N, C-alpha and C. Protein backbone atom coordinates (compact mmCIF):
# COMPACT_ATOMS: atom_id res chain seq x y z
N UNK A 1 128.94 102.32 77.14
CA UNK A 1 128.42 103.27 76.20
C UNK A 1 129.22 104.56 76.32
N UNK A 2 129.72 105.08 75.23
CA UNK A 2 130.56 106.26 75.25
C UNK A 2 129.71 107.52 75.33
N UNK A 3 130.24 108.50 76.01
CA UNK A 3 129.55 109.77 76.10
C UNK A 3 129.75 110.53 74.79
N UNK A 4 128.70 111.16 74.30
CA UNK A 4 128.76 111.92 73.06
C UNK A 4 128.72 113.39 73.41
N UNK A 5 129.60 114.16 72.79
CA UNK A 5 129.63 115.59 73.03
C UNK A 5 128.35 116.21 72.48
N UNK A 6 127.63 116.95 73.31
CA UNK A 6 126.36 117.51 72.87
C UNK A 6 126.55 118.58 71.81
N UNK A 7 127.68 119.28 71.80
CA UNK A 7 127.90 120.28 70.77
C UNK A 7 128.08 119.62 69.41
N UNK A 8 128.56 118.38 69.38
CA UNK A 8 128.70 117.67 68.12
C UNK A 8 127.33 117.26 67.59
N UNK A 9 126.39 117.00 68.47
CA UNK A 9 125.05 116.62 68.04
C UNK A 9 124.31 117.79 67.42
N UNK A 10 124.53 118.97 67.90
CA UNK A 10 123.80 120.15 67.46
C UNK A 10 124.61 120.97 66.46
N UNK A 11 125.61 120.41 65.86
CA UNK A 11 126.46 121.16 64.94
C UNK A 11 127.38 122.06 65.74
N UNK A 12 127.67 123.22 65.19
CA UNK A 12 128.53 124.16 65.92
C UNK A 12 127.64 125.12 66.70
N UNK A 13 126.99 124.62 67.73
CA UNK A 13 126.08 125.44 68.53
C UNK A 13 126.83 126.30 69.54
N UNK A 14 128.14 126.13 69.64
CA UNK A 14 128.91 126.93 70.59
C UNK A 14 128.92 128.41 70.21
N UNK A 15 128.77 128.71 68.92
CA UNK A 15 128.79 130.10 68.49
C UNK A 15 127.64 130.89 69.11
N UNK A 16 126.44 130.33 69.12
CA UNK A 16 125.28 131.02 69.66
C UNK A 16 125.07 130.80 71.14
N UNK A 17 125.87 129.95 71.75
CA UNK A 17 125.68 129.61 73.15
C UNK A 17 126.55 130.42 74.10
N UNK A 18 127.47 131.19 73.59
CA UNK A 18 128.33 131.99 74.46
C UNK A 18 127.60 133.28 74.82
N UNK A 19 127.05 133.31 76.01
CA UNK A 19 126.25 134.45 76.44
C UNK A 19 127.05 135.46 77.24
N UNK A 20 128.33 135.18 77.51
CA UNK A 20 129.12 136.06 78.36
C UNK A 20 129.38 137.42 77.73
N UNK A 21 129.41 137.50 76.40
CA UNK A 21 129.68 138.77 75.74
C UNK A 21 128.40 139.52 75.37
N UNK A 22 127.24 138.91 75.59
CA UNK A 22 125.97 139.54 75.22
C UNK A 22 125.59 140.57 76.28
N UNK A 23 125.28 141.78 75.82
CA UNK A 23 124.94 142.88 76.73
C UNK A 23 123.44 142.98 76.98
N UNK A 24 122.62 142.64 75.99
CA UNK A 24 121.17 142.76 76.12
C UNK A 24 120.66 141.70 77.10
N UNK A 25 119.99 142.12 78.20
CA UNK A 25 119.54 141.15 79.21
C UNK A 25 118.53 140.14 78.67
N UNK A 26 117.65 140.57 77.77
CA UNK A 26 116.66 139.65 77.21
C UNK A 26 117.31 138.57 76.36
N UNK A 27 118.25 138.97 75.53
CA UNK A 27 118.95 138.00 74.69
C UNK A 27 119.78 137.05 75.55
N UNK A 28 120.44 137.62 76.55
CA UNK A 28 121.25 136.80 77.46
C UNK A 28 120.37 135.75 78.16
N UNK A 29 119.20 136.19 78.64
CA UNK A 29 118.28 135.27 79.32
C UNK A 29 117.80 134.17 78.37
N UNK A 30 117.51 134.53 77.12
CA UNK A 30 117.06 133.53 76.15
C UNK A 30 118.15 132.48 75.91
N UNK A 31 119.37 132.93 75.78
CA UNK A 31 120.48 131.99 75.56
C UNK A 31 120.66 131.10 76.78
N UNK A 32 120.63 131.69 77.97
CA UNK A 32 120.78 130.90 79.19
C UNK A 32 119.64 129.89 79.34
N UNK A 33 118.42 130.31 79.03
CA UNK A 33 117.28 129.39 79.11
C UNK A 33 117.42 128.25 78.10
N UNK A 34 117.90 128.58 76.90
CA UNK A 34 118.09 127.54 75.88
C UNK A 34 119.12 126.52 76.35
N UNK A 35 120.21 127.00 76.95
CA UNK A 35 121.23 126.10 77.46
C UNK A 35 120.70 125.25 78.61
N UNK A 36 119.94 125.86 79.52
CA UNK A 36 119.38 125.12 80.65
C UNK A 36 118.39 124.06 80.17
N UNK A 37 117.57 124.42 79.18
CA UNK A 37 116.59 123.46 78.65
C UNK A 37 117.30 122.29 77.97
N UNK A 38 118.36 122.58 77.23
CA UNK A 38 119.12 121.52 76.57
C UNK A 38 119.74 120.57 77.60
N UNK A 39 120.30 121.16 78.66
CA UNK A 39 120.90 120.35 79.73
C UNK A 39 119.84 119.50 80.43
N UNK A 40 118.66 120.09 80.67
CA UNK A 40 117.56 119.37 81.32
C UNK A 40 117.12 118.18 80.47
N UNK A 41 116.96 118.41 79.16
CA UNK A 41 116.54 117.31 78.27
C UNK A 41 117.57 116.20 78.23
N UNK A 42 118.84 116.58 78.19
CA UNK A 42 119.91 115.58 78.17
C UNK A 42 119.91 114.75 79.45
N UNK A 43 119.75 115.43 80.59
CA UNK A 43 119.71 114.73 81.88
C UNK A 43 118.50 113.79 81.95
N UNK A 44 117.35 114.26 81.48
CA UNK A 44 116.15 113.42 81.49
C UNK A 44 116.34 112.20 80.58
N UNK A 45 116.97 112.41 79.43
CA UNK A 45 117.22 111.30 78.51
C UNK A 45 118.15 110.27 79.15
N UNK A 46 119.19 110.74 79.81
CA UNK A 46 120.12 109.81 80.47
C UNK A 46 119.44 109.05 81.60
N UNK A 47 118.61 109.73 82.38
CA UNK A 47 117.88 109.05 83.46
C UNK A 47 116.91 108.02 82.91
N UNK A 48 116.25 108.34 81.81
CA UNK A 48 115.31 107.41 81.18
C UNK A 48 116.06 106.17 80.67
N UNK A 49 117.21 106.39 80.03
CA UNK A 49 118.00 105.25 79.55
C UNK A 49 118.49 104.39 80.71
N UNK A 50 118.92 105.02 81.79
CA UNK A 50 119.39 104.28 82.96
C UNK A 50 118.26 103.46 83.58
N UNK A 51 117.07 104.05 83.65
CA UNK A 51 115.92 103.33 84.20
C UNK A 51 115.55 102.13 83.31
N UNK A 52 115.63 102.31 82.00
CA UNK A 52 115.34 101.20 81.08
C UNK A 52 116.37 100.08 81.25
N UNK A 53 117.65 100.47 81.36
CA UNK A 53 118.70 99.45 81.56
C UNK A 53 118.50 98.72 82.87
N UNK A 54 118.15 99.45 83.92
CA UNK A 54 117.93 98.82 85.22
C UNK A 54 116.74 97.86 85.16
N UNK A 55 115.69 98.24 84.45
CA UNK A 55 114.52 97.36 84.33
C UNK A 55 114.87 96.09 83.55
N UNK A 56 115.64 96.23 82.48
CA UNK A 56 116.05 95.06 81.70
C UNK A 56 116.95 94.17 82.54
N UNK A 57 117.88 94.77 83.27
CA UNK A 57 118.77 93.98 84.13
C UNK A 57 117.99 93.24 85.21
N UNK A 58 117.01 93.91 85.80
CA UNK A 58 116.18 93.28 86.83
C UNK A 58 115.41 92.11 86.24
N UNK A 59 114.87 92.31 85.04
CA UNK A 59 114.11 91.25 84.38
C UNK A 59 115.01 90.04 84.09
N UNK A 60 116.19 90.32 83.55
CA UNK A 60 117.12 89.23 83.23
C UNK A 60 117.61 88.52 84.49
N UNK A 61 117.87 89.29 85.54
CA UNK A 61 118.36 88.70 86.78
C UNK A 61 117.29 87.86 87.46
N UNK A 62 116.04 88.24 87.30
CA UNK A 62 114.97 87.49 87.96
C UNK A 62 114.82 86.10 87.37
N UNK A 63 115.22 85.91 86.13
CA UNK A 63 115.11 84.60 85.50
C UNK A 63 116.37 83.77 85.63
N UNK A 64 117.41 84.32 86.24
CA UNK A 64 118.67 83.60 86.33
C UNK A 64 118.59 82.41 87.27
N UNK A 65 117.91 82.56 88.38
CA UNK A 65 117.78 81.47 89.33
C UNK A 65 116.40 81.53 89.95
N UNK A 66 115.76 80.40 89.96
CA UNK A 66 114.44 80.32 90.57
C UNK A 66 114.50 79.27 91.67
N UNK A 67 114.23 79.69 92.88
CA UNK A 67 114.23 78.76 94.01
C UNK A 67 113.04 77.82 93.87
N UNK A 68 113.18 76.58 94.32
CA UNK A 68 112.06 75.65 94.21
C UNK A 68 110.91 76.08 95.12
N UNK A 69 109.71 75.78 94.67
CA UNK A 69 108.55 76.05 95.51
C UNK A 69 108.43 74.91 96.52
N UNK A 70 107.72 75.11 97.60
CA UNK A 70 107.58 74.04 98.59
C UNK A 70 106.98 72.76 98.00
N UNK A 71 106.12 72.90 97.00
CA UNK A 71 105.52 71.72 96.39
C UNK A 71 106.52 70.92 95.55
N UNK A 72 107.58 71.59 95.07
CA UNK A 72 108.57 70.91 94.24
C UNK A 72 109.61 70.15 95.07
N UNK A 73 109.63 70.36 96.35
CA UNK A 73 110.61 69.70 97.21
C UNK A 73 110.15 68.27 97.48
N UNK A 74 111.02 67.32 97.20
CA UNK A 74 110.70 65.91 97.43
C UNK A 74 111.01 65.57 98.89
N UNK A 75 109.99 65.19 99.61
CA UNK A 75 110.19 64.85 101.02
C UNK A 75 109.90 63.37 101.27
N UNK A 76 109.88 62.59 100.21
CA UNK A 76 109.55 61.18 100.36
C UNK A 76 110.56 60.41 101.19
N UNK A 77 111.83 60.68 101.03
CA UNK A 77 112.85 59.90 101.74
C UNK A 77 113.67 60.80 102.65
N UNK A 78 113.01 61.69 103.36
CA UNK A 78 113.70 62.59 104.27
C UNK A 78 114.19 61.84 105.49
N UNK A 79 115.46 61.98 105.76
CA UNK A 79 115.99 61.42 107.00
C UNK A 79 116.47 62.58 107.84
N UNK A 80 116.25 62.50 109.08
CA UNK A 80 116.65 63.59 109.96
C UNK A 80 116.93 63.04 111.33
N UNK A 81 116.83 63.88 112.26
CA UNK A 81 117.04 63.47 113.63
C UNK A 81 115.93 62.51 114.05
N UNK A 82 116.22 61.56 114.91
CA UNK A 82 115.20 60.58 115.29
C UNK A 82 114.01 61.21 116.00
N UNK A 83 114.20 62.30 116.68
CA UNK A 83 113.10 62.93 117.39
C UNK A 83 112.39 63.99 116.54
N UNK A 84 112.79 64.11 115.26
CA UNK A 84 112.15 65.06 114.35
C UNK A 84 112.95 66.34 114.24
N UNK A 85 112.70 67.05 113.20
CA UNK A 85 113.41 68.31 112.98
C UNK A 85 112.53 69.22 112.12
N UNK A 86 113.08 70.34 111.78
CA UNK A 86 112.38 71.29 110.93
C UNK A 86 112.18 70.67 109.55
N UNK A 87 111.00 70.76 109.04
CA UNK A 87 110.70 70.23 107.72
C UNK A 87 111.41 71.07 106.66
N UNK A 88 112.04 70.40 105.71
CA UNK A 88 112.72 71.09 104.62
C UNK A 88 111.70 71.88 103.79
N UNK A 89 110.53 71.32 103.62
CA UNK A 89 109.48 72.00 102.87
C UNK A 89 109.10 73.31 103.57
N UNK A 90 109.03 73.29 104.89
CA UNK A 90 108.69 74.49 105.64
C UNK A 90 109.80 75.55 105.50
N UNK A 91 111.05 75.11 105.50
CA UNK A 91 112.17 76.04 105.35
C UNK A 91 112.15 76.69 103.96
N UNK A 92 111.85 75.91 102.93
CA UNK A 92 111.77 76.45 101.58
C UNK A 92 110.62 77.44 101.47
N UNK A 93 109.49 77.12 102.09
CA UNK A 93 108.34 78.03 102.05
C UNK A 93 108.67 79.36 102.73
N UNK A 94 109.34 79.31 103.87
CA UNK A 94 109.72 80.54 104.57
C UNK A 94 110.71 81.35 103.74
N UNK A 95 111.65 80.67 103.09
CA UNK A 95 112.61 81.37 102.24
C UNK A 95 111.96 82.01 101.04
N UNK A 96 110.96 81.34 100.47
CA UNK A 96 110.25 81.89 99.32
C UNK A 96 109.51 83.16 99.70
N UNK A 97 108.87 83.16 100.85
CA UNK A 97 108.15 84.35 101.31
C UNK A 97 109.13 85.49 101.54
N UNK A 98 110.26 85.21 102.17
CA UNK A 98 111.27 86.23 102.44
C UNK A 98 111.85 86.79 101.14
N UNK A 99 112.12 85.92 100.18
CA UNK A 99 112.68 86.34 98.90
C UNK A 99 111.70 87.24 98.16
N UNK A 100 110.43 86.88 98.14
CA UNK A 100 109.42 87.69 97.47
C UNK A 100 109.31 89.06 98.12
N UNK A 101 109.34 89.10 99.44
CA UNK A 101 109.27 90.37 100.16
C UNK A 101 110.48 91.25 99.83
N UNK A 102 111.65 90.64 99.78
CA UNK A 102 112.87 91.37 99.47
C UNK A 102 112.83 91.91 98.04
N UNK A 103 112.35 91.10 97.11
CA UNK A 103 112.26 91.52 95.71
C UNK A 103 111.31 92.70 95.57
N UNK A 104 110.16 92.64 96.24
CA UNK A 104 109.19 93.74 96.16
C UNK A 104 109.77 95.01 96.76
N UNK A 105 110.51 94.88 97.84
CA UNK A 105 111.13 96.04 98.47
C UNK A 105 112.17 96.66 97.55
N UNK A 106 112.99 95.85 96.89
CA UNK A 106 114.03 96.39 96.01
C UNK A 106 113.42 97.02 94.77
N UNK A 107 112.34 96.47 94.24
CA UNK A 107 111.69 97.06 93.08
C UNK A 107 111.07 98.40 93.47
N UNK A 108 110.45 98.46 94.65
CA UNK A 108 109.87 99.72 95.13
C UNK A 108 110.96 100.77 95.31
N UNK A 109 112.09 100.37 95.87
CA UNK A 109 113.19 101.32 96.09
C UNK A 109 113.75 101.81 94.77
N UNK A 110 113.88 100.92 93.79
CA UNK A 110 114.40 101.33 92.48
C UNK A 110 113.44 102.29 91.80
N UNK A 111 112.15 102.05 91.93
CA UNK A 111 111.16 102.93 91.31
C UNK A 111 111.15 104.29 91.98
N UNK A 112 111.36 104.34 93.28
CA UNK A 112 111.34 105.62 93.97
C UNK A 112 112.60 106.43 93.68
N UNK A 113 113.69 105.78 93.31
CA UNK A 113 114.92 106.51 92.96
C UNK A 113 114.78 107.19 91.62
N UNK A 114 114.08 106.60 90.67
CA UNK A 114 114.02 107.15 89.32
C UNK A 114 113.04 108.29 89.20
N UNK A 115 112.04 108.35 90.05
CA UNK A 115 111.03 109.40 89.96
C UNK A 115 111.39 110.59 90.81
N UNK A 116 110.60 111.63 90.67
CA UNK A 116 110.77 112.78 91.54
C UNK A 116 111.69 113.83 90.98
N UNK A 117 111.86 114.87 91.73
CA UNK A 117 112.67 116.00 91.32
C UNK A 117 114.04 115.94 92.00
N UNK A 118 115.02 116.54 91.37
CA UNK A 118 116.36 116.55 91.95
C UNK A 118 116.57 117.77 92.83
N UNK A 119 115.57 118.57 93.01
CA UNK A 119 115.70 119.79 93.83
C UNK A 119 115.53 119.50 95.28
């Protein structure tokens, strides 16, 4: 996505935005506040768009691969060591629990990055 010049969006707003030559402190403050508010809104808009993109990417990525559940694992003809070994179903169950925990942690971390103040 290409960056759009904000002065192009607001017409020729550069004429009223140059506060360096303004002598009146009240007028200067108003211009500076207007510029700061515009920058704040633009930053908030970009953060909102980034959060939406991240949410869509997370949603799409979650459907890309689904590990089998322990019930879906066929253990009818399992061959292993003669004295027994770790059940494949048990390994899949442990992996599923670990994957779910990891997913919840990453979603929590992503949510905590998007909120809050930058100060």
